Amino acid sequence: MIAMTFKPNPRKGQRGKYLDIAICLHPEFEQVEGSGKDRNQIFQDQRLGVAHAAHDYGKFDRTEAPSD
């Protein structure tokens, strides 16, 4: 499994605009491509992390769960 995290750092005074956009796009998150214009105007910086999961388990399938 591959995990991705996105850590935005909105510009000063732009956090509300970022959150408004995020709320509007949430239902379409997986279908909408990012907007370069908004990204450059709203964010001072951003980080995207990609990692390989060492363990992948759920509430019922505990095959890969570390021991308690």
N, C-alpha and C. Protein backbone atom coordinates (compact mmCIF):
# COMPACT_ATOMS: atom_id res chain seq x y z
N MET A 1 0.85 -1.17 0.00
CA MET A 1 0.00 0.00 0.00
C MET A 1 0.89 1.24 0.00
N ILE A 2 0.51 2.25 -0.75
CA ILE A 2 1.21 3.53 -0.78
C ILE A 2 0.33 4.56 -0.06
N ALA A 3 0.92 5.34 0.82
CA ALA A 3 0.19 6.38 1.55
C ALA A 3 0.72 7.74 1.12
N MET A 4 -0.18 8.70 0.97
CA MET A 4 0.21 10.06 0.61
C MET A 4 -0.34 11.03 1.65
N THR A 5 0.46 12.00 2.01
CA THR A 5 0.00 13.07 2.90
C THR A 5 0.26 14.40 2.22
N PHE A 6 -0.58 15.36 2.49
CA PHE A 6 -0.44 16.70 1.94
C PHE A 6 -0.50 17.67 3.10
N LYS A 7 0.53 18.46 3.28
CA LYS A 7 0.59 19.42 4.38
C LYS A 7 0.67 20.83 3.78
N PRO A 8 -0.46 21.51 3.67
CA PRO A 8 -0.46 22.86 3.10
C PRO A 8 0.00 23.90 4.12
N ASN A 9 0.57 24.94 3.61
CA ASN A 9 0.98 26.09 4.43
C ASN A 9 0.44 27.34 3.74
N PRO A 10 -0.83 27.69 3.99
CA PRO A 10 -1.43 28.84 3.30
C PRO A 10 -0.68 30.14 3.63
N ARG A 11 -0.71 31.07 2.68
CA ARG A 11 -0.12 32.39 2.90
C ARG A 11 -0.89 33.09 4.01
N LYS A 12 -0.26 34.06 4.63
CA LYS A 12 -0.90 34.84 5.69
C LYS A 12 -2.19 35.44 5.16
N GLY A 13 -3.27 35.24 5.89
CA GLY A 13 -4.58 35.76 5.50
C GLY A 13 -5.33 34.91 4.48
N GLN A 14 -4.77 33.78 4.06
CA GLN A 14 -5.40 32.95 3.04
C GLN A 14 -5.95 31.63 3.57
N ARG A 15 -5.81 31.40 4.87
CA ARG A 15 -6.28 30.13 5.43
C ARG A 15 -7.78 29.93 5.22
N GLY A 16 -8.56 30.94 5.45
CA GLY A 16 -10.01 30.84 5.27
C GLY A 16 -10.37 30.50 3.83
N LYS A 17 -9.69 31.14 2.87
CA LYS A 17 -9.95 30.85 1.46
C LYS A 17 -9.58 29.40 1.14
N TYR A 18 -8.44 28.96 1.68
CA TYR A 18 -8.03 27.57 1.47
C TYR A 18 -9.09 26.61 2.00
N LEU A 19 -9.57 26.85 3.23
CA LEU A 19 -10.57 25.97 3.83
C LEU A 19 -11.88 26.00 3.06
N ASP A 20 -12.27 27.18 2.56
CA ASP A 20 -13.49 27.28 1.74
C ASP A 20 -13.37 26.42 0.48
N ILE A 21 -12.21 26.51 -0.18
CA ILE A 21 -11.97 25.71 -1.39
C ILE A 21 -11.99 24.23 -1.05
N ALA A 22 -11.33 23.85 0.04
CA ALA A 22 -11.26 22.45 0.44
C ALA A 22 -12.65 21.89 0.71
N ILE A 23 -13.50 22.67 1.37
CA ILE A 23 -14.86 22.23 1.68
C ILE A 23 -15.65 22.03 0.39
N CYS A 24 -15.52 22.95 -0.55
CA CYS A 24 -16.26 22.84 -1.82
C CYS A 24 -15.80 21.65 -2.65
N LEU A 25 -14.51 21.38 -2.63
CA LEU A 25 -13.97 20.30 -3.46
C LEU A 25 -14.04 18.93 -2.81
N HIS A 26 -14.29 18.89 -1.53
CA HIS A 26 -14.27 17.61 -0.82
C HIS A 26 -15.08 16.52 -1.50
N PRO A 27 -16.34 16.77 -1.90
CA PRO A 27 -17.13 15.71 -2.54
C PRO A 27 -16.52 15.24 -3.87
N GLU A 28 -15.74 16.08 -4.52
CA GLU A 28 -15.17 15.73 -5.82
C GLU A 28 -13.66 15.50 -5.74
N PHE A 29 -13.15 15.32 -4.56
CA PHE A 29 -11.71 15.27 -4.34
C PHE A 29 -10.96 14.36 -5.30
N GLU A 30 -11.46 13.16 -5.50
CA GLU A 30 -10.75 12.21 -6.34
C GLU A 30 -10.96 12.45 -7.82
N GLN A 31 -11.87 13.33 -8.21
CA GLN A 31 -12.17 13.57 -9.61
C GLN A 31 -11.61 14.89 -10.14
N VAL A 32 -11.22 15.81 -9.26
CA VAL A 32 -10.82 17.14 -9.68
C VAL A 32 -9.30 17.29 -9.62
N GLU A 33 -8.70 17.77 -10.73
CA GLU A 33 -7.26 18.04 -10.75
C GLU A 33 -7.00 19.33 -9.96
N GLY A 34 -5.83 19.47 -9.40
CA GLY A 34 -5.46 20.68 -8.65
C GLY A 34 -5.36 21.90 -9.55
N SER A 35 -5.52 23.08 -8.99
CA SER A 35 -5.43 24.34 -9.74
C SER A 35 -4.11 25.03 -9.44
N GLY A 36 -3.25 25.14 -10.44
CA GLY A 36 -1.94 25.79 -10.29
C GLY A 36 -2.06 27.24 -9.87
N LYS A 37 -3.05 27.95 -10.42
CA LYS A 37 -3.23 29.37 -10.08
C LYS A 37 -3.54 29.52 -8.60
N ASP A 38 -4.51 28.77 -8.10
CA ASP A 38 -4.85 28.84 -6.67
C ASP A 38 -3.67 28.41 -5.82
N ARG A 39 -2.97 27.34 -6.25
CA ARG A 39 -1.83 26.84 -5.49
C ARG A 39 -0.77 27.93 -5.35
N ASN A 40 -0.49 28.67 -6.39
CA ASN A 40 0.54 29.70 -6.35
C ASN A 40 0.09 30.96 -5.60
N GLN A 41 -1.19 31.27 -5.61
CA GLN A 41 -1.68 32.47 -4.94
C GLN A 41 -1.97 32.25 -3.46
N ILE A 42 -2.42 31.07 -3.09
CA ILE A 42 -2.85 30.82 -1.72
C ILE A 42 -1.73 30.28 -0.85
N PHE A 43 -0.93 29.36 -1.37
CA PHE A 43 0.08 28.70 -0.56
C PHE A 43 1.44 29.38 -0.61
N GLN A 44 2.02 29.57 0.55
CA GLN A 44 3.40 30.02 0.65
C GLN A 44 4.32 28.84 0.34
N ASP A 45 3.92 27.67 0.82
CA ASP A 45 4.68 26.44 0.61
C ASP A 45 3.73 25.27 0.78
N GLN A 46 4.13 24.11 0.33
CA GLN A 46 3.35 22.90 0.54
C GLN A 46 4.29 21.72 0.51
N ARG A 47 3.90 20.65 1.15
CA ARG A 47 4.71 19.44 1.18
C ARG A 47 3.81 18.26 0.83
N LEU A 48 4.34 17.36 0.04
CA LEU A 48 3.64 16.14 -0.32
C LEU A 48 4.53 14.98 0.05
N GLY A 49 4.04 14.11 0.90
CA GLY A 49 4.83 12.95 1.31
C GLY A 49 4.25 11.67 0.73
N VAL A 50 5.11 10.80 0.24
CA VAL A 50 4.70 9.51 -0.29
C VAL A 50 5.50 8.46 0.45
N ALA A 51 4.82 7.46 0.98
CA ALA A 51 5.50 6.44 1.77
C ALA A 51 4.90 5.06 1.50
N HIS A 52 5.69 4.05 1.71
CA HIS A 52 5.21 2.67 1.63
C HIS A 52 4.78 2.24 3.03
N ALA A 53 3.59 1.70 3.14
CA ALA A 53 3.09 1.27 4.45
C ALA A 53 3.78 -0.02 4.88
N ALA A 54 4.32 -0.03 6.09
CA ALA A 54 4.97 -1.22 6.62
C ALA A 54 3.94 -2.26 7.07
N HIS A 55 2.79 -1.80 7.51
CA HIS A 55 1.71 -2.68 7.97
C HIS A 55 0.40 -2.15 7.41
N ASP A 56 -0.47 -3.05 6.99
CA ASP A 56 -1.79 -2.67 6.49
C ASP A 56 -2.80 -3.63 7.13
N TYR A 57 -3.55 -3.13 8.10
CA TYR A 57 -4.50 -3.99 8.80
C TYR A 57 -5.70 -3.18 9.23
N GLY A 58 -6.77 -3.87 9.54
CA GLY A 58 -8.00 -3.22 9.95
C GLY A 58 -8.49 -3.75 11.28
N LYS A 59 -9.69 -3.39 11.60
CA LYS A 59 -10.28 -3.78 12.87
C LYS A 59 -10.46 -5.30 12.96
N PHE A 60 -10.80 -5.94 11.84
CA PHE A 60 -11.08 -7.38 11.86
C PHE A 60 -9.94 -8.21 11.26
N ASP A 61 -9.33 -7.73 10.19
CA ASP A 61 -8.20 -8.44 9.58
C ASP A 61 -6.92 -7.93 10.21
N ARG A 62 -6.38 -8.67 11.17
CA ARG A 62 -5.22 -8.23 11.95
C ARG A 62 -3.94 -8.97 11.54
N THR A 63 -3.94 -9.58 10.34
CA THR A 63 -2.80 -10.38 9.89
C THR A 63 -1.48 -9.62 9.98
N GLU A 64 -1.45 -8.37 9.54
CA GLU A 64 -0.21 -7.59 9.53
C GLU A 64 -0.03 -6.69 10.75
N ALA A 65 -0.93 -6.79 11.72
CA ALA A 65 -0.86 -5.93 12.91
C ALA A 65 0.33 -6.31 13.77
N PRO A 66 1.05 -5.30 14.29
CA PRO A 66 2.14 -5.62 15.23
C PRO A 66 1.55 -6.17 16.53
N SER A 67 2.33 -6.93 17.24
CA SER A 67 1.82 -7.50 18.50
C SER A 67 1.63 -6.40 19.53
N ASP A 68 0.60 -6.56 20.36
CA ASP A 68 0.31 -5.55 21.39
C ASP A 68 1.29 -5.59 22.52
